[in-house]
All heavy atoms as atom14 arrays in JSON, in Angstrom:
{
  "sequence": "MLITFAFEMASCITAATHRDFLTQNLFLKQMLERYQKPEADNNNDKWM",
  "atom14_mask": [
    [1, 1, 1, 1, 1, 1, 1, 1, 0, 0, 0, 0, 0, 0],
    [1, 1, 1, 1, 1, 1, 1, 1, 0, 0, 0, 0, 0, 0],
    [1, 1, 1, 1, 1, 1, 1, 1, 0, 0, 0, 0, 0, 0],
    [1, 1, 1, 1, 1, 1, 1, 0, 0, 0, 0, 0, 0, 0],
    [1, 1, 1, 1, 1, 1, 1, 1, 1, 1, 1, 0, 0, 0],
    [1, 1, 1, 1, 1, 0, 0, 0, 0, 0, 0, 0, 0, 0],
    [1, 1, 1, 1, 1, 1, 1, 1, 1, 1, 1, 0, 0, 0],
    [1, 1, 1, 1, 1, 1, 1, 1, 1, 0, 0, 0, 0, 0],
    [1, 1, 1, 1, 1, 1, 1, 1, 0, 0, 0, 0, 0, 0],
    [1, 1, 1, 1, 1, 0, 0, 0, 0, 0, 0, 0, 0, 0],
    [1, 1, 1, 1, 1, 1, 0, 0, 0, 0, 0, 0, 0, 0],
    [1, 1, 1, 1, 1, 1, 0, 0, 0, 0, 0, 0, 0, 0],
    [1, 1, 1, 1, 1, 1, 1, 1, 0, 0, 0, 0, 0, 0],
    [1, 1, 1, 1, 1, 1, 1, 0, 0, 0, 0, 0, 0, 0],
    [1, 1, 1, 1, 1, 0, 0, 0, 0, 0, 0, 0, 0, 0],
    [1, 1, 1, 1, 1, 0, 0, 0, 0, 0, 0, 0, 0, 0],
    [1, 1, 1, 1, 1, 1, 1, 0, 0, 0, 0, 0, 0, 0],
    [1, 1, 1, 1, 1, 1, 1, 1, 1, 1, 0, 0, 0, 0],
    [1, 1, 1, 1, 1, 1, 1, 1, 1, 1, 1, 0, 0, 0],
    [1, 1, 1, 1, 1, 1, 1, 1, 0, 0, 0, 0, 0, 0],
    [1, 1, 1, 1, 1, 1, 1, 1, 1, 1, 1, 0, 0, 0],
    [1, 1, 1, 1, 1, 1, 1, 1, 0, 0, 0, 0, 0, 0],
    [1, 1, 1, 1, 1, 1, 1, 0, 0, 0, 0, 0, 0, 0],
    [1, 1, 1, 1, 1, 1, 1, 1, 1, 0, 0, 0, 0, 0],
    [1, 1, 1, 1, 1, 1, 1, 1, 0, 0, 0, 0, 0, 0],
    [1, 1, 1, 1, 1, 1, 1, 1, 0, 0, 0, 0, 0, 0],
    [1, 1, 1, 1, 1, 1, 1, 1, 1, 1, 1, 0, 0, 0],
    [1, 1, 1, 1, 1, 1, 1, 1, 0, 0, 0, 0, 0, 0],
    [1, 1, 1, 1, 1, 1, 1, 1, 1, 0, 0, 0, 0, 0],
    [1, 1, 1, 1, 1, 1, 1, 1, 1, 0, 0, 0, 0, 0],
    [1, 1, 1, 1, 1, 1, 1, 1, 0, 0, 0, 0, 0, 0],
    [1, 1, 1, 1, 1, 1, 1, 1, 0, 0, 0, 0, 0, 0],
    [1, 1, 1, 1, 1, 1, 1, 1, 1, 0, 0, 0, 0, 0],
    [1, 1, 1, 1, 1, 1, 1, 1, 1, 1, 1, 0, 0, 0],
    [1, 1, 1, 1, 1, 1, 1, 1, 1, 1, 1, 1, 0, 0],
    [1, 1, 1, 1, 1, 1, 1, 1, 1, 0, 0, 0, 0, 0],
    [1, 1, 1, 1, 1, 1, 1, 1, 1, 0, 0, 0, 0, 0],
    [1, 1, 1, 1, 1, 1, 1, 0, 0, 0, 0, 0, 0, 0],
    [1, 1, 1, 1, 1, 1, 1, 1, 1, 0, 0, 0, 0, 0],
    [1, 1, 1, 1, 1, 0, 0, 0, 0, 0, 0, 0, 0, 0],
    [1, 1, 1, 1, 1, 1, 1, 1, 0, 0, 0, 0, 0, 0],
    [1, 1, 1, 1, 1, 1, 1, 1, 0, 0, 0, 0, 0, 0],
    [1, 1, 1, 1, 1, 1, 1, 1, 0, 0, 0, 0, 0, 0],
    [1, 1, 1, 1, 1, 1, 1, 1, 0, 0, 0, 0, 0, 0],
    [1, 1, 1, 1, 1, 1, 1, 1, 0, 0, 0, 0, 0, 0],
    [1, 1, 1, 1, 1, 1, 1, 1, 1, 0, 0, 0, 0, 0],
    [1, 1, 1, 1, 1, 1, 1, 1, 1, 1, 1, 1, 1, 1],
    [1, 1, 1, 1, 1, 1, 1, 1, 0, 0, 0, 0, 0, 0]
  ],
  "atom14_positions": [
    [[-0.91, 30.35, 2.44], [-0.13, 29.59, 3.41], [-1.04, 28.7, 4.26], [-0.66, 27.57, 4.6], [0.68, 30.52, 4.3], [1.68, 29.81, 5.2], [2.93, 28.89, 4.3], [4.15, 30.17, 4.01], [0.0, 0.0, 0.0], [0.0, 0.0, 0.0], [0.0, 0.0, 0.0], [0.0, 0.0, 0.0], [0.0, 0.0, 0.0], [0.0, 0.0, 0.0]],
    [[-2.23, 29.18, 4.58], [-3.18, 28.36, 5.34], [-3.62, 27.14, 4.52], [-3.76, 26.04, 5.06], [-4.4, 29.2, 5.73], [-4.18, 30.23, 6.86], [-5.41, 31.11, 7.02], [-3.86, 29.53, 8.18], [0.0, 0.0, 0.0], [0.0, 0.0, 0.0], [0.0, 0.0, 0.0], [0.0, 0.0, 0.0], [0.0, 0.0, 0.0], [0.0, 0.0, 0.0]],
    [[-3.83, 27.34, 3.21], [-4.2, 26.22, 2.34], [-3.05, 25.21, 2.27], [-3.26, 23.99, 2.4], [-4.55, 26.73, 0.93], [-5.81, 27.61, 0.98], [-4.74, 25.56, -0.03], [-6.13, 28.31, -0.32], [0.0, 0.0, 0.0], [0.0, 0.0, 0.0], [0.0, 0.0, 0.0], [0.0, 0.0, 0.0], [0.0, 0.0, 0.0], [0.0, 0.0, 0.0]],
    [[-1.83, 25.71, 2.09], [-0.65, 24.84, 2.04], [-0.47, 24.11, 3.37], [-0.1, 22.93, 3.4], [0.6, 25.67, 1.72], [0.4, 26.37, 0.49], [1.83, 24.79, 1.59], [0.0, 0.0, 0.0], [0.0, 0.0, 0.0], [0.0, 0.0, 0.0], [0.0, 0.0, 0.0], [0.0, 0.0, 0.0], [0.0, 0.0, 0.0], [0.0, 0.0, 0.0]],
    [[-0.72, 24.82, 4.46], [-0.62, 24.23, 5.8], [-1.55, 23.02, 5.92], [-1.17, 21.98, 6.45], [-0.99, 25.29, 6.84], [-0.65, 24.93, 8.25], [0.54, 25.35, 8.83], [-1.53, 24.19, 9.03], [0.85, 25.02, 10.15], [-1.23, 23.86, 10.34], [-0.04, 24.28, 10.9], [0.0, 0.0, 0.0], [0.0, 0.0, 0.0], [0.0, 0.0, 0.0]],
    [[-2.78, 23.17, 5.39], [-3.75, 22.08, 5.46], [-3.29, 20.87, 4.64], [-3.42, 19.71, 5.07], [-5.11, 22.56, 4.96], [0.0, 0.0, 0.0], [0.0, 0.0, 0.0], [0.0, 0.0, 0.0], [0.0, 0.0, 0.0], [0.0, 0.0, 0.0], [0.0, 0.0, 0.0], [0.0, 0.0, 0.0], [0.0, 0.0, 0.0], [0.0, 0.0, 0.0]],
    [[-2.74, 21.13, 3.45], [-2.23, 20.03, 2.62], [-1.1, 19.3, 3.31], [-1.04, 18.06, 3.29], [-1.76, 20.58, 1.27], [-2.84, 20.65, 0.22], [-3.47, 21.85, -0.07], [-3.22, 19.51, -0.47], [-4.47, 21.92, -1.03], [-4.21, 19.57, -1.44], [-4.84, 20.78, -1.72], [0.0, 0.0, 0.0], [0.0, 0.0, 0.0], [0.0, 0.0, 0.0]],
    [[-0.18, 20.04, 3.9], [0.96, 19.39, 4.56], [0.51, 18.62, 5.8], [1.06, 17.56, 6.11], [2.01, 20.43, 4.93], [3.24, 19.87, 5.63], [3.96, 18.8, 4.83], [3.68, 18.66, 3.62], [4.81, 18.1, 5.42], [0.0, 0.0, 0.0], [0.0, 0.0, 0.0], [0.0, 0.0, 0.0], [0.0, 0.0, 0.0], [0.0, 0.0, 0.0]],
    [[-0.48, 19.13, 6.49], [-1.03, 18.4, 7.63], [-1.6, 17.06, 7.19], [-1.37, 16.02, 7.83], [-2.12, 19.23, 8.31], [-2.74, 18.56, 9.54], [-1.58, 18.4, 10.9], [-1.52, 20.11, 11.46], [0.0, 0.0, 0.0], [0.0, 0.0, 0.0], [0.0, 0.0, 0.0], [0.0, 0.0, 0.0], [0.0, 0.0, 0.0], [0.0, 0.0, 0.0]],
    [[-2.31, 17.07, 6.05], [-2.86, 15.82, 5.52], [-1.75, 14.85, 5.13], [-1.84, 13.64, 5.38], [-3.74, 16.12, 4.3], [0.0, 0.0, 0.0], [0.0, 0.0, 0.0], [0.0, 0.0, 0.0], [0.0, 0.0, 0.0], [0.0, 0.0, 0.0], [0.0, 0.0, 0.0], [0.0, 0.0, 0.0], [0.0, 0.0, 0.0], [0.0, 0.0, 0.0]],
    [[-0.68, 15.37, 4.53], [0.45, 14.54, 4.13], [1.11, 13.89, 5.35], [1.41, 12.69, 5.34], [1.48, 15.39, 3.37], [2.65, 14.65, 3.11], [0.0, 0.0, 0.0], [0.0, 0.0, 0.0], [0.0, 0.0, 0.0], [0.0, 0.0, 0.0], [0.0, 0.0, 0.0], [0.0, 0.0, 0.0], [0.0, 0.0, 0.0], [0.0, 0.0, 0.0]],
    [[1.32, 14.67, 6.38], [1.98, 14.16, 7.59], [1.14, 13.09, 8.28], [1.66, 12.05, 8.69], [2.24, 15.31, 8.57], [3.44, 16.51, 8.0], [0.0, 0.0, 0.0], [0.0, 0.0, 0.0], [0.0, 0.0, 0.0], [0.0, 0.0, 0.0], [0.0, 0.0, 0.0], [0.0, 0.0, 0.0], [0.0, 0.0, 0.0], [0.0, 0.0, 0.0]],
    [[-0.15, 13.35, 8.4], [-1.04, 12.39, 9.07], [-1.11, 11.09, 8.28], [-1.06, 9.99, 8.84], [-2.44, 12.99, 9.26], [-2.38, 14.16, 10.27], [-3.44, 11.93, 9.72], [-3.69, 14.92, 10.4], [0.0, 0.0, 0.0], [0.0, 0.0, 0.0], [0.0, 0.0, 0.0], [0.0, 0.0, 0.0], [0.0, 0.0, 0.0], [0.0, 0.0, 0.0]],
    [[-1.19, 11.2, 6.95], [-1.25, 10.01, 6.1], [0.01, 9.16, 6.25], [-0.05, 7.94, 6.43], [-1.43, 10.41, 4.63], [-2.65, 11.14, 4.48], [-1.47, 9.18, 3.73], [0.0, 0.0, 0.0], [0.0, 0.0, 0.0], [0.0, 0.0, 0.0], [0.0, 0.0, 0.0], [0.0, 0.0, 0.0], [0.0, 0.0, 0.0], [0.0, 0.0, 0.0]],
    [[1.18, 9.82, 6.18], [2.44, 9.09, 6.29], [2.6, 8.44, 7.66], [3.07, 7.3, 7.78], [3.61, 10.03, 6.02], [0.0, 0.0, 0.0], [0.0, 0.0, 0.0], [0.0, 0.0, 0.0], [0.0, 0.0, 0.0], [0.0, 0.0, 0.0], [0.0, 0.0, 0.0], [0.0, 0.0, 0.0], [0.0, 0.0, 0.0], [0.0, 0.0, 0.0]],
    [[2.19, 9.15, 8.72], [2.36, 8.63, 10.08], [1.42, 7.46, 10.37], [1.82, 6.47, 10.98], [2.14, 9.75, 11.09], [0.0, 0.0, 0.0], [0.0, 0.0, 0.0], [0.0, 0.0, 0.0], [0.0, 0.0, 0.0], [0.0, 0.0, 0.0], [0.0, 0.0, 0.0], [0.0, 0.0, 0.0], [0.0, 0.0, 0.0], [0.0, 0.0, 0.0]],
    [[0.17, 7.57, 9.92], [-0.81, 6.54, 10.25], [-0.65, 5.28, 9.4], [-0.85, 4.17, 9.89], [-2.25, 7.07, 10.09], [-2.41, 7.6, 8.76], [-2.52, 8.17, 11.1], [0.0, 0.0, 0.0], [0.0, 0.0, 0.0], [0.0, 0.0, 0.0], [0.0, 0.0, 0.0], [0.0, 0.0, 0.0], [0.0, 0.0, 0.0], [0.0, 0.0, 0.0]],
    [[-0.27, 5.44, 8.13], [-0.16, 4.28, 7.26], [1.13, 3.5, 7.48], [1.3, 2.41, 6.93], [-0.29, 4.7, 5.8], [-1.71, 4.91, 5.38], [-2.44, 6.0, 5.76], [-2.55, 4.13, 4.65], [-3.66, 5.92, 5.27], [-3.76, 4.8, 4.59], [0.0, 0.0, 0.0], [0.0, 0.0, 0.0], [0.0, 0.0, 0.0], [0.0, 0.0, 0.0]],
    [[2.02, 4.04, 8.28], [3.22, 3.29, 8.63], [2.84, 2.01, 9.36], [3.47, 0.96, 9.18], [4.13, 4.17, 9.5], [5.32, 3.44, 10.09], [6.11, 4.38, 10.99], [7.16, 3.65, 11.69], [7.0, 3.01, 12.84], [5.81, 2.99, 13.41], [8.02, 2.38, 13.42], [0.0, 0.0, 0.0], [0.0, 0.0, 0.0], [0.0, 0.0, 0.0]],
    [[1.8, 2.07, 10.19], [1.36, 0.9, 10.96], [0.69, -0.15, 10.08], [0.46, -1.28, 10.52], [0.39, 1.34, 12.06], [1.06, 2.29, 13.06], [2.27, 2.15, 13.26], [0.36, 3.15, 13.62], [0.0, 0.0, 0.0], [0.0, 0.0, 0.0], [0.0, 0.0, 0.0], [0.0, 0.0, 0.0], [0.0, 0.0, 0.0], [0.0, 0.0, 0.0]],
    [[0.38, 0.22, 8.85], [-0.26, -0.71, 7.93], [0.73, -1.75, 7.4], [0.35, -2.83, 6.98], [-0.85, 0.12, 6.77], [-1.4, -0.7, 5.64], [-2.59, -1.39, 5.75], [-0.72, -0.77, 4.42], [-3.09, -2.15, 4.7], [-1.22, -1.51, 3.37], [-2.42, -2.21, 3.5], [0.0, 0.0, 0.0], [0.0, 0.0, 0.0], [0.0, 0.0, 0.0]],
    [[2.03, -1.41, 7.45], [3.06, -2.26, 6.84], [3.5, -3.37, 7.81], [4.6, -3.37, 8.33], [4.27, -1.4, 6.45], [3.95, -0.17, 5.58], [5.19, 0.66, 5.36], [3.34, -0.6, 4.26], [0.0, 0.0, 0.0], [0.0, 0.0, 0.0], [0.0, 0.0, 0.0], [0.0, 0.0, 0.0], [0.0, 0.0, 0.0], [0.0, 0.0, 0.0]],
    [[2.6, -4.32, 8.04], [2.87, -5.39, 9.0], [3.53, -6.59, 8.33], [3.47, -6.76, 7.11], [1.57, -5.84, 9.68], [0.7, -6.38, 8.69], [0.88, -4.66, 10.36], [0.0, 0.0, 0.0], [0.0, 0.0, 0.0], [0.0, 0.0, 0.0], [0.0, 0.0, 0.0], [0.0, 0.0, 0.0], [0.0, 0.0, 0.0], [0.0, 0.0, 0.0]],
    [[4.1, -7.44, 9.15], [4.75, -8.65, 8.66], [3.74, -9.58, 7.98], [4.02, -10.14, 6.9], [5.43, -9.36, 9.83], [6.42, -10.45, 9.44], [7.11, -11.03, 10.66], [6.48, -11.65, 11.52], [8.42, -10.83, 10.75], [0.0, 0.0, 0.0], [0.0, 0.0, 0.0], [0.0, 0.0, 0.0], [0.0, 0.0, 0.0], [0.0, 0.0, 0.0]],
    [[2.57, -9.72, 8.58], [1.56, -10.62, 8.02], [1.03, -10.12, 6.68], [0.64, -10.93, 5.82], [0.39, -10.79, 9.01], [0.78, -11.64, 10.2], [1.68, -12.48, 10.1], [0.12, -11.44, 11.32], [0.0, 0.0, 0.0], [0.0, 0.0, 0.0], [0.0, 0.0, 0.0], [0.0, 0.0, 0.0], [0.0, 0.0, 0.0], [0.0, 0.0, 0.0]],
    [[0.99, -8.81, 6.51], [0.54, -8.25, 5.23], [1.43, -8.71, 4.09], [0.95, -9.21, 3.06], [0.53, -6.72, 5.3], [0.29, -6.0, 3.97], [-1.17, -6.11, 3.56], [0.69, -4.53, 4.07], [0.0, 0.0, 0.0], [0.0, 0.0, 0.0], [0.0, 0.0, 0.0], [0.0, 0.0, 0.0], [0.0, 0.0, 0.0], [0.0, 0.0, 0.0]],
    [[2.74, -8.57, 4.26], [3.67, -8.94, 3.2], [3.78, -10.46, 3.06], [4.03, -10.97, 1.96], [5.04, -8.33, 3.46], [5.05, -6.82, 3.32], [5.21, -6.0, 4.44], [4.87, -6.23, 2.09], [5.2, -4.63, 4.31], [4.86, -4.84, 1.95], [5.02, -4.04, 3.07], [0.0, 0.0, 0.0], [0.0, 0.0, 0.0], [0.0, 0.0, 0.0]],
    [[3.58, -11.18, 4.16], [3.59, -12.64, 4.09], [2.42, -13.14, 3.23], [2.6, -13.98, 2.33], [3.51, -13.24, 5.49], [3.41, -14.76, 5.57], [4.63, -15.43, 4.96], [3.2, -15.21, 7.03], [0.0, 0.0, 0.0], [0.0, 0.0, 0.0], [0.0, 0.0, 0.0], [0.0, 0.0, 0.0], [0.0, 0.0, 0.0], [0.0, 0.0, 0.0]],
    [[1.24, -12.64, 3.49], [0.05, -13.03, 2.74], [0.22, -12.68, 1.26], [-0.11, -13.48, 0.38], [-1.17, -12.33, 3.33], [-2.5, -12.67, 2.64], [-3.64, -12.01, 3.38], [-5.0, -12.36, 2.76], [-5.17, -11.75, 1.42], [0.0, 0.0, 0.0], [0.0, 0.0, 0.0], [0.0, 0.0, 0.0], [0.0, 0.0, 0.0], [0.0, 0.0, 0.0]],
    [[0.73, -11.5, 1.01], [0.93, -11.05, -0.37], [1.94, -11.94, -1.1], [1.71, -12.35, -2.25], [1.42, -9.61, -0.37], [1.69, -9.03, -1.74], [2.52, -7.77, -1.65], [3.73, -7.8, -1.57], [1.85, -6.62, -1.63], [0.0, 0.0, 0.0], [0.0, 0.0, 0.0], [0.0, 0.0, 0.0], [0.0, 0.0, 0.0], [0.0, 0.0, 0.0]],
    [[3.04, -12.26, -0.43], [4.08, -13.1, -1.04], [3.53, -14.48, -1.37], [3.76, -15.03, -2.47], [5.27, -13.23, -0.09], [6.41, -14.1, -0.62], [7.66, -14.45, 0.66], [6.76, -15.61, 1.71], [0.0, 0.0, 0.0], [0.0, 0.0, 0.0], [0.0, 0.0, 0.0], [0.0, 0.0, 0.0], [0.0, 0.0, 0.0], [0.0, 0.0, 0.0]],
    [[2.81, -15.07, -0.44], [2.29, -16.42, -0.64], [1.26, -16.45, -1.77], [1.17, -17.44, -2.51], [1.64, -16.93, 0.65], [2.59, -17.13, 1.84], [1.8, -17.47, 3.09], [3.64, -18.2, 1.55], [0.0, 0.0, 0.0], [0.0, 0.0, 0.0], [0.0, 0.0, 0.0], [0.0, 0.0, 0.0], [0.0, 0.0, 0.0], [0.0, 0.0, 0.0]],
    [[0.5, -15.39, -1.92], [-0.55, -15.37, -2.93], [-0.04, -15.01, -4.32], [-0.58, -15.49, -5.33], [-1.65, -14.38, -2.54], [-2.48, -14.81, -1.34], [-3.52, -13.77, -0.97], [-3.45, -12.64, -1.52], [-4.38, -14.07, -0.13], [0.0, 0.0, 0.0], [0.0, 0.0, 0.0], [0.0, 0.0, 0.0], [0.0, 0.0, 0.0], [0.0, 0.0, 0.0]],
    [[1.02, -14.18, -4.39], [1.41, -13.62, -5.69], [2.77, -14.08, -6.22], [3.02, -13.97, -7.42], [1.39, -12.09, -5.62], [0.0, -11.51, -5.43], [-0.01, -10.01, -5.62], [-1.33, -9.44, -5.47], [-2.26, -9.4, -6.44], [-1.97, -9.91, -7.63], [-3.44, -8.86, -6.24], [0.0, 0.0, 0.0], [0.0, 0.0, 0.0], [0.0, 0.0, 0.0]],
    [[3.64, -14.58, -5.37], [4.97, -14.96, -5.86], [4.87, -16.15, -6.81], [4.4, -17.22, -6.44], [5.9, -15.3, -4.7], [7.33, -15.61, -5.14], [8.22, -14.59, -5.45], [7.75, -16.93, -5.28], [9.52, -14.88, -5.87], [9.03, -17.24, -5.7], [9.92, -16.21, -5.99], [11.19, -16.49, -6.43], [0.0, 0.0, 0.0], [0.0, 0.0, 0.0]],
    [[5.31, -15.96, -8.05], [5.26, -16.96, -9.12], [3.85, -17.55, -9.27], [3.68, -18.77, -9.46], [6.28, -18.08, -8.87], [7.73, -17.61, -8.96], [8.73, -18.74, -8.95], [8.37, -19.91, -9.02], [10.01, -18.38, -8.87], [0.0, 0.0, 0.0], [0.0, 0.0, 0.0], [0.0, 0.0, 0.0], [0.0, 0.0, 0.0], [0.0, 0.0, 0.0]],
    [[2.86, -16.68, -9.2], [1.47, -17.11, -9.37], [1.29, -17.6, -10.81], [1.53, -16.86, -11.76], [0.53, -15.94, -9.08], [-0.94, -16.31, -9.09], [-1.79, -15.11, -8.7], [-3.27, -15.48, -8.68], [-4.13, -14.31, -8.3], [0.0, 0.0, 0.0], [0.0, 0.0, 0.0], [0.0, 0.0, 0.0], [0.0, 0.0, 0.0], [0.0, 0.0, 0.0]],
    [[0.87, -18.86, -11.0], [0.82, -19.42, -12.36], [-0.27, -18.85, -13.25], [-0.08, -18.69, -14.45], [0.6, -20.92, -12.1], [-0.06, -20.98, -10.76], [0.5, -19.83, -9.97], [0.0, 0.0, 0.0], [0.0, 0.0, 0.0], [0.0, 0.0, 0.0], [0.0, 0.0, 0.0], [0.0, 0.0, 0.0], [0.0, 0.0, 0.0], [0.0, 0.0, 0.0]],
    [[-1.44, -18.53, -12.68], [-2.54, -18.04, -13.47], [-3.11, -16.78, -12.82], [-3.47, -16.79, -11.65], [-3.65, -19.1, -13.58], [-3.21, -20.35, -14.33], [-4.34, -21.35, -14.44], [-5.46, -21.03, -14.01], [-4.1, -22.46, -14.94], [0.0, 0.0, 0.0], [0.0, 0.0, 0.0], [0.0, 0.0, 0.0], [0.0, 0.0, 0.0], [0.0, 0.0, 0.0]],
    [[-3.19, -15.71, -13.62], [-3.71, -14.44, -13.12], [-5.19, -14.32, -13.44], [-5.67, -14.86, -14.44], [-2.93, -13.28, -13.75], [0.0, 0.0, 0.0], [0.0, 0.0, 0.0], [0.0, 0.0, 0.0], [0.0, 0.0, 0.0], [0.0, 0.0, 0.0], [0.0, 0.0, 0.0], [0.0, 0.0, 0.0], [0.0, 0.0, 0.0], [0.0, 0.0, 0.0]],
    [[-5.92, -13.61, -12.59], [-7.35, -13.42, -12.8], [-7.63, -12.45, -13.95], [-8.61, -12.59, -14.66], [-8.0, -12.9, -11.51], [-7.83, -13.89, -10.37], [-7.74, -15.1, -10.65], [-7.79, -13.45, -9.2], [0.0, 0.0, 0.0], [0.0, 0.0, 0.0], [0.0, 0.0, 0.0], [0.0, 0.0, 0.0], [0.0, 0.0, 0.0], [0.0, 0.0, 0.0]],
    [[-6.77, -11.45, -14.09], [-6.92, -10.45, -15.15], [-5.55, -9.81, -15.4], [-4.56, -10.17, -14.76], [-7.97, -9.4, -14.77], [-7.74, -8.83, -13.37], [-6.66, -8.33, -13.07], [-8.75, -8.95, -12.51], [0.0, 0.0, 0.0], [0.0, 0.0, 0.0], [0.0, 0.0, 0.0], [0.0, 0.0, 0.0], [0.0, 0.0, 0.0], [0.0, 0.0, 0.0]],
    [[-5.52, -8.85, -16.33], [-4.25, -8.21, -16.67], [-3.65, -7.45, -15.5], [-2.43, -7.45, -15.3], [-4.44, -7.26, -17.86], [-4.67, -8.0, -19.16], [-4.25, -9.16, -19.3], [-5.35, -7.36, -20.1], [0.0, 0.0, 0.0], [0.0, 0.0, 0.0], [0.0, 0.0, 0.0], [0.0, 0.0, 0.0], [0.0, 0.0, 0.0], [0.0, 0.0, 0.0]],
    [[-4.51, -6.81, -14.71], [-4.0, -6.07, -13.56], [-3.4, -7.01, -12.52], [-2.34, -6.73, -11.94], [-5.14, -5.26, -12.93], [-4.65, -4.35, -11.81], [-3.76, -3.53, -12.0], [-5.25, -4.5, -10.63], [0.0, 0.0, 0.0], [0.0, 0.0, 0.0], [0.0, 0.0, 0.0], [0.0, 0.0, 0.0], [0.0, 0.0, 0.0], [0.0, 0.0, 0.0]],
    [[-4.07, -8.13, -12.31], [-3.57, -9.14, -11.37], [-2.24, -9.72, -11.87], [-1.32, -9.94, -11.08], [-4.6, -10.25, -11.21], [-4.19, -11.28, -10.17], [-3.96, -10.89, -9.01], [-4.06, -12.46, -10.52], [0.0, 0.0, 0.0], [0.0, 0.0, 0.0], [0.0, 0.0, 0.0], [0.0, 0.0, 0.0], [0.0, 0.0, 0.0], [0.0, 0.0, 0.0]],
    [[-2.14, -9.93, -13.18], [-0.9, -10.44, -13.76], [0.23, -9.44, -13.58], [1.36, -9.81, -13.22], [-1.11, -10.73, -15.24], [0.13, -11.26, -15.95], [-0.14, -11.5, -17.43], [1.12, -12.0, -18.14], [0.89, -12.21, -19.59], [0.0, 0.0, 0.0], [0.0, 0.0, 0.0], [0.0, 0.0, 0.0], [0.0, 0.0, 0.0], [0.0, 0.0, 0.0]],
    [[-0.08, -8.15, -13.81], [0.93, -7.09, -13.66], [1.45, -7.04, -12.23], [2.66, -6.96, -12.0], [0.31, -5.76, -14.08], [1.11, -4.56, -13.72], [0.99, -3.78, -12.6], [2.18, -3.98, -14.49], [1.9, -2.76, -12.62], [2.65, -2.86, -13.77], [2.77, -4.3, -15.71], [3.69, -2.06, -14.24], [3.8, -3.5, -16.17], [4.25, -2.4, -15.44]],
    [[0.55, -7.08, -11.27], [0.94, -7.01, -9.86], [1.73, -8.25, -9.44], [2.73, -8.14, -8.72], [-0.29, -6.84, -8.98], [-0.92, -5.48, -9.07], [-2.24, -5.27, -7.87], [-2.73, -3.57, -8.17], [0.0, 0.0, 0.0], [0.0, 0.0, 0.0], [0.0, 0.0, 0.0], [0.0, 0.0, 0.0], [0.0, 0.0, 0.0], [0.0, 0.0, 0.0]]
  ]
}
């Protein structure tokens, strides 16, 4: 239970702190750079 407690604590902290990462400017920059991007740098870039 102590081990499980530690895992859940990590899950909660990760979810709570990364919520602030989802800013308006983040998605704006991403949209401008990737929406209907004509040429991809590599397969992973094309997939994204």
